[in-house]
PDB file of N, CA and C in Angstrom:
ATOM      1  N   UNK A   1     -14.434  25.363  -0.575  1.00  0.00           N
ATOM      2  CA  UNK A   1     -13.926  24.617   0.551  1.00  0.00           C
ATOM      3  C   UNK A   1     -13.744  23.154   0.176  1.00  0.00           C
ATOM      4  N   UNK A   2     -14.724  22.570  -0.500  1.00  0.00           N
ATOM      5  CA  UNK A   2     -14.651  21.164  -0.889  1.00  0.00           C
ATOM      6  C   UNK A   2     -13.515  20.938  -1.882  1.00  0.00           C
ATOM      7  N   UNK A   3     -13.295  21.900  -2.778  1.00  0.00           N
ATOM      8  CA  UNK A   3     -12.224  21.773  -3.765  1.00  0.00           C
ATOM      9  C   UNK A   3     -10.866  21.778  -3.070  1.00  0.00           C
ATOM     10  N   UNK A   4     -10.710  22.637  -2.062  1.00  0.00           N
ATOM     11  CA  UNK A   4      -9.457  22.688  -1.313  1.00  0.00           C
ATOM     12  C   UNK A   4      -9.218  21.371  -0.578  1.00  0.00           C
ATOM     13  N   UNK A   5     -10.259  20.822   0.023  1.00  0.00           N
ATOM     14  CA  UNK A   5     -10.137  19.555   0.735  1.00  0.00           C
ATOM     15  C   UNK A   5      -9.713  18.449  -0.221  1.00  0.00           C
ATOM     16  N   UNK A   6     -10.310  18.403  -1.390  1.00  0.00           N
ATOM     17  CA  UNK A   6      -9.970  17.382  -2.383  1.00  0.00           C
ATOM     18  C   UNK A   6      -8.521  17.517  -2.837  1.00  0.00           C
ATOM     19  N   UNK A   7      -8.070  18.740  -3.018  1.00  0.00           N
ATOM     20  CA  UNK A   7      -6.697  18.984  -3.441  1.00  0.00           C
ATOM     21  C   UNK A   7      -5.715  18.543  -2.355  1.00  0.00           C
ATOM     22  N   UNK A   8      -6.004  18.893  -1.120  1.00  0.00           N
ATOM     23  CA  UNK A   8      -5.136  18.496  -0.010  1.00  0.00           C
ATOM     24  C   UNK A   8      -5.114  16.983   0.134  1.00  0.00           C
ATOM     25  N   UNK A   9      -6.249  16.348   0.019  1.00  0.00           N
ATOM     26  CA  UNK A   9      -6.329  14.893   0.119  1.00  0.00           C
ATOM     27  C   UNK A   9      -5.527  14.226  -0.993  1.00  0.00           C
ATOM     28  N   UNK A  10      -5.654  14.713  -2.208  1.00  0.00           N
ATOM     29  CA  UNK A  10      -4.906  14.152  -3.331  1.00  0.00           C
ATOM     30  C   UNK A  10      -3.407  14.312  -3.125  1.00  0.00           C
ATOM     31  N   UNK A  11      -2.973  15.463  -2.639  1.00  0.00           N
ATOM     32  CA  UNK A  11      -1.552  15.676  -2.386  1.00  0.00           C
ATOM     33  C   UNK A  11      -1.034  14.754  -1.291  1.00  0.00           C
ATOM     34  N   UNK A  12      -1.813  14.563  -0.238  1.00  0.00           N
ATOM     35  CA  UNK A  12      -1.399  13.660   0.833  1.00  0.00           C
ATOM     36  C   UNK A  12      -1.287  12.224   0.342  1.00  0.00           C
ATOM     37  N   UNK A  13      -2.219  11.800  -0.498  1.00  0.00           N
ATOM     38  CA  UNK A  13      -2.162  10.451  -1.054  1.00  0.00           C
ATOM     39  C   UNK A  13      -0.939  10.263  -1.943  1.00  0.00           C
ATOM     40  N   UNK A  14      -0.621  11.269  -2.733  1.00  0.00           N
ATOM     41  CA  UNK A  14       0.568  11.186  -3.585  1.00  0.00           C
ATOM     42  C   UNK A  14       1.836  11.125  -2.741  1.00  0.00           C
ATOM     43  N   UNK A  15       1.904  11.939  -1.715  1.00  0.00           N
ATOM     44  CA  UNK A  15       3.075  11.941  -0.840  1.00  0.00           C
ATOM     45  C   UNK A  15       3.218  10.591  -0.138  1.00  0.00           C
ATOM     46  N   UNK A  16       2.103  10.017   0.287  1.00  0.00           N
ATOM     47  CA  UNK A  16       2.133   8.724   0.964  1.00  0.00           C
ATOM     48  C   UNK A  16       2.540   7.608   0.009  1.00  0.00           C
ATOM     49  N   UNK A  17       2.235   7.737  -1.270  1.00  0.00           N
ATOM     50  CA  UNK A  17       2.527   6.689  -2.234  1.00  0.00           C
ATOM     51  C   UNK A  17       3.989   6.678  -2.677  1.00  0.00           C
ATOM     52  N   UNK A  18       4.695   7.778  -2.510  1.00  0.00           N
ATOM     53  CA  UNK A  18       6.084   7.864  -2.988  1.00  0.00           C
ATOM     54  C   UNK A  18       6.970   6.771  -2.387  1.00  0.00           C
ATOM     55  N   UNK A  19       6.985   6.567  -1.074  1.00  0.00           N
ATOM     56  CA  UNK A  19       7.853   5.502  -0.546  1.00  0.00           C
ATOM     57  C   UNK A  19       7.444   4.107  -1.028  1.00  0.00           C
ATOM     58  N   UNK A  20       6.162   3.895  -1.192  1.00  0.00           N
ATOM     59  CA  UNK A  20       5.702   2.588  -1.667  1.00  0.00           C
ATOM     60  C   UNK A  20       6.143   2.339  -3.099  1.00  0.00           C
ATOM     61  N   UNK A  21       6.047   3.358  -3.926  1.00  0.00           N
ATOM     62  CA  UNK A  21       6.433   3.201  -5.320  1.00  0.00           C
ATOM     63  C   UNK A  21       7.950   3.144  -5.478  1.00  0.00           C
ATOM     64  N   UNK A  22       8.661   3.832  -4.623  1.00  0.00           N
ATOM     65  CA  UNK A  22      10.113   3.814  -4.688  1.00  0.00           C
ATOM     66  C   UNK A  22      10.704   2.498  -4.212  1.00  0.00           C
ATOM     67  N   UNK A  23       9.945   1.722  -3.450  1.00  0.00           N
ATOM     68  CA  UNK A  23      10.449   0.473  -2.912  1.00  0.00           C
ATOM     69  C   UNK A  23      10.511  -0.617  -3.973  1.00  0.00           C
ATOM     70  N   UNK A  24       9.697  -0.552  -4.987  1.00  0.00           N
ATOM     71  CA  UNK A  24       9.720  -1.586  -6.017  1.00  0.00           C
ATOM     72  C   UNK A  24      10.013  -0.925  -7.352  1.00  0.00           C
ATOM     73  N   UNK A  25      11.109  -1.337  -7.943  1.00  0.00           N
ATOM     74  CA  UNK A  25      11.553  -0.696  -9.181  1.00  0.00           C
ATOM     75  C   UNK A  25      10.960  -1.337 -10.425  1.00  0.00           C
ATOM     76  N   UNK A  26      10.339  -2.473 -10.271  1.00  0.00           N
ATOM     77  CA  UNK A  26       9.777  -3.149 -11.431  1.00  0.00           C
ATOM     78  C   UNK A  26       8.376  -3.655 -11.112  1.00  0.00           C
ATOM     79  N   UNK A  27       7.681  -4.060 -12.120  1.00  0.00           N
ATOM     80  CA  UNK A  27       6.358  -4.650 -11.923  1.00  0.00           C
ATOM     81  C   UNK A  27       6.474  -5.957 -11.153  1.00  0.00           C
ATOM     82  N   UNK A  28       7.523  -6.713 -11.431  1.00  0.00           N
ATOM     83  CA  UNK A  28       7.742  -7.966 -10.707  1.00  0.00           C
ATOM     84  C   UNK A  28       7.975  -7.687  -9.231  1.00  0.00           C
ATOM     85  N   UNK A  29       8.712  -6.630  -8.929  1.00  0.00           N
ATOM     86  CA  UNK A  29       8.957  -6.256  -7.540  1.00  0.00           C
ATOM     87  C   UNK A  29       7.669  -5.881  -6.834  1.00  0.00           C
ATOM     88  N   UNK A  30       6.804  -5.186  -7.523  1.00  0.00           N
ATOM     89  CA  UNK A  30       5.518  -4.811  -6.943  1.00  0.00           C
ATOM     90  C   UNK A  30       4.682  -6.057  -6.671  1.00  0.00           C
ATOM     91  N   UNK A  31       4.709  -7.006  -7.592  1.00  0.00           N
ATOM     92  CA  UNK A  31       3.981  -8.256  -7.404  1.00  0.00           C
ATOM     93  C   UNK A  31       4.516  -9.050  -6.229  1.00  0.00           C
ATOM     94  N   UNK A  32       5.829  -9.064  -6.066  1.00  0.00           N
ATOM     95  CA  UNK A  32       6.433  -9.767  -4.932  1.00  0.00           C
ATOM     96  C   UNK A  32       6.038  -9.106  -3.617  1.00  0.00           C
ATOM     97  N   UNK A  33       6.031  -7.784  -3.595  1.00  0.00           N
ATOM     98  CA  UNK A  33       5.643  -7.064  -2.384  1.00  0.00           C
ATOM     99  C   UNK A  33       4.194  -7.368  -2.009  1.00  0.00           C
ATOM    100  N   UNK A  34       3.301  -7.350  -2.986  1.00  0.00           N
ATOM    101  CA  UNK A  34       1.893  -7.634  -2.725  1.00  0.00           C
ATOM    102  C   UNK A  34       1.706  -9.088  -2.282  1.00  0.00           C
ATOM    103  N   UNK A  35       2.443  -9.981  -2.907  1.00  0.00           N
ATOM    104  CA  UNK A  35       2.355 -11.393  -2.543  1.00  0.00           C
ATOM    105  C   UNK A  35       2.835 -11.618  -1.119  1.00  0.00           C
ATOM    106  N   UNK A  36       3.913 -10.952  -0.752  1.00  0.00           N
ATOM    107  CA  UNK A  36       4.450 -11.067   0.604  1.00  0.00           C
ATOM    108  C   UNK A  36       3.457 -10.544   1.632  1.00  0.00           C
ATOM    109  N   UNK A  37       2.829  -9.435   1.323  1.00  0.00           N
ATOM    110  CA  UNK A  37       1.826  -8.876   2.232  1.00  0.00           C
ATOM    111  C   UNK A  37       0.630  -9.815   2.364  1.00  0.00           C
ATOM    112  N   UNK A  38       0.225 -10.431   1.279  1.00  0.00           N
ATOM    113  CA  UNK A  38      -0.888 -11.383   1.310  1.00  0.00           C
ATOM    114  C   UNK A  38      -0.558 -12.605   2.144  1.00  0.00           C
ATOM    115  N   UNK A  39       0.676 -13.113   2.008  1.00  0.00           N
ATOM    116  CA  UNK A  39       1.093 -14.268   2.817  1.00  0.00           C
ATOM    117  C   UNK A  39       1.105 -13.909   4.297  1.00  0.00           C
ATOM    118  N   UNK A  40       1.587 -12.723   4.624  1.00  0.00           N
ATOM    119  CA  UNK A  40       1.629 -12.298   6.025  1.00  0.00           C
ATOM    120  C   UNK A  40       0.222 -12.218   6.609  1.00  0.00           C
ATOM    121  N   UNK A  41      -0.725 -11.693   5.840  1.00  0.00           N
ATOM    122  CA  UNK A  41      -2.098 -11.590   6.316  1.00  0.00           C
ATOM    123  C   UNK A  41      -2.714 -12.979   6.485  1.00  0.00           C
ATOM    124  N   UNK A  42      -2.443 -13.873   5.549  1.00  0.00           N
ATOM    125  CA  UNK A  42      -2.970 -15.229   5.635  1.00  0.00           C
ATOM    126  C   UNK A  42      -2.407 -15.952   6.848  1.00  0.00           C
ATOM    127  N   UNK A  43      -1.100 -15.836   7.060  1.00  0.00           N
ATOM    128  CA  UNK A  43      -0.469 -16.486   8.206  1.00  0.00           C
ATOM    129  C   UNK A  43      -1.046 -15.945   9.525  1.00  0.00           C
ATOM    130  N   UNK A  44      -1.244 -14.644   9.583  1.00  0.00           N
ATOM    131  CA  UNK A  44      -1.811 -14.032  10.799  1.00  0.00           C
ATOM    132  C   UNK A  44      -3.232 -14.534  11.026  1.00  0.00           C
ATOM    133  N   UNK A  45      -4.008 -14.608   9.968  1.00  0.00           N
ATOM    134  CA  UNK A  45      -5.388 -15.092  10.102  1.00  0.00           C
ATOM    135  C   UNK A  45      -5.412 -16.549  10.557  1.00  0.00           C
ATOM    136  N   UNK A  46      -4.495 -17.357  10.016  1.00  0.00           N
ATOM    137  CA  UNK A  46      -4.429 -18.764  10.409  1.00  0.00           C
ATOM    138  C   UNK A  46      -4.047 -18.918  11.879  1.00  0.00           C
ATOM    139  N   UNK A  47      -3.124 -18.082  12.353  1.00  0.00           N
ATOM    140  CA  UNK A  47      -2.686 -18.147  13.740  1.00  0.00           C
ATOM    141  C   UNK A  47      -3.794 -17.748  14.716  1.00  0.00           C
ATOM    142  N   UNK A  48      -4.639 -16.811  14.289  1.00  0.00           N
ATOM    143  CA  UNK A  48      -5.654 -16.280  15.178  1.00  0.00           C
ATOM    144  C   UNK A  48      -7.047 -16.874  14.954  1.00  0.00           C
ATOM    145  N   UNK A  49      -7.110 -17.920  14.154  1.00  0.00           N
ATOM    146  CA  UNK A  49      -8.396 -18.571  13.891  1.00  0.00           C
ATOM    147  C   UNK A  49      -8.797 -19.381  15.129  1.00  0.00           C
ATOM    148  N   UNK A  50     -10.084 -19.389  15.447  1.00  0.00           N
ATOM    149  CA  UNK A  50     -10.530 -20.162  16.619  1.00  0.00           C
ATOM    150  C   UNK A  50     -10.449 -21.661  16.402  1.00  0.00           C
TER     151      UNK A  50
END
């Protein structure tokens, strides 16, 4: 049972990763995407800071 759960979980993670990996064709693109996400989180945190 545990082996089946692990297999299903791994397949779901791979399926979920396909659109993310397809969005950036290069390492530089991946870095830009991560940087953009980091800026968005920082801006949101700054806006909601007390």
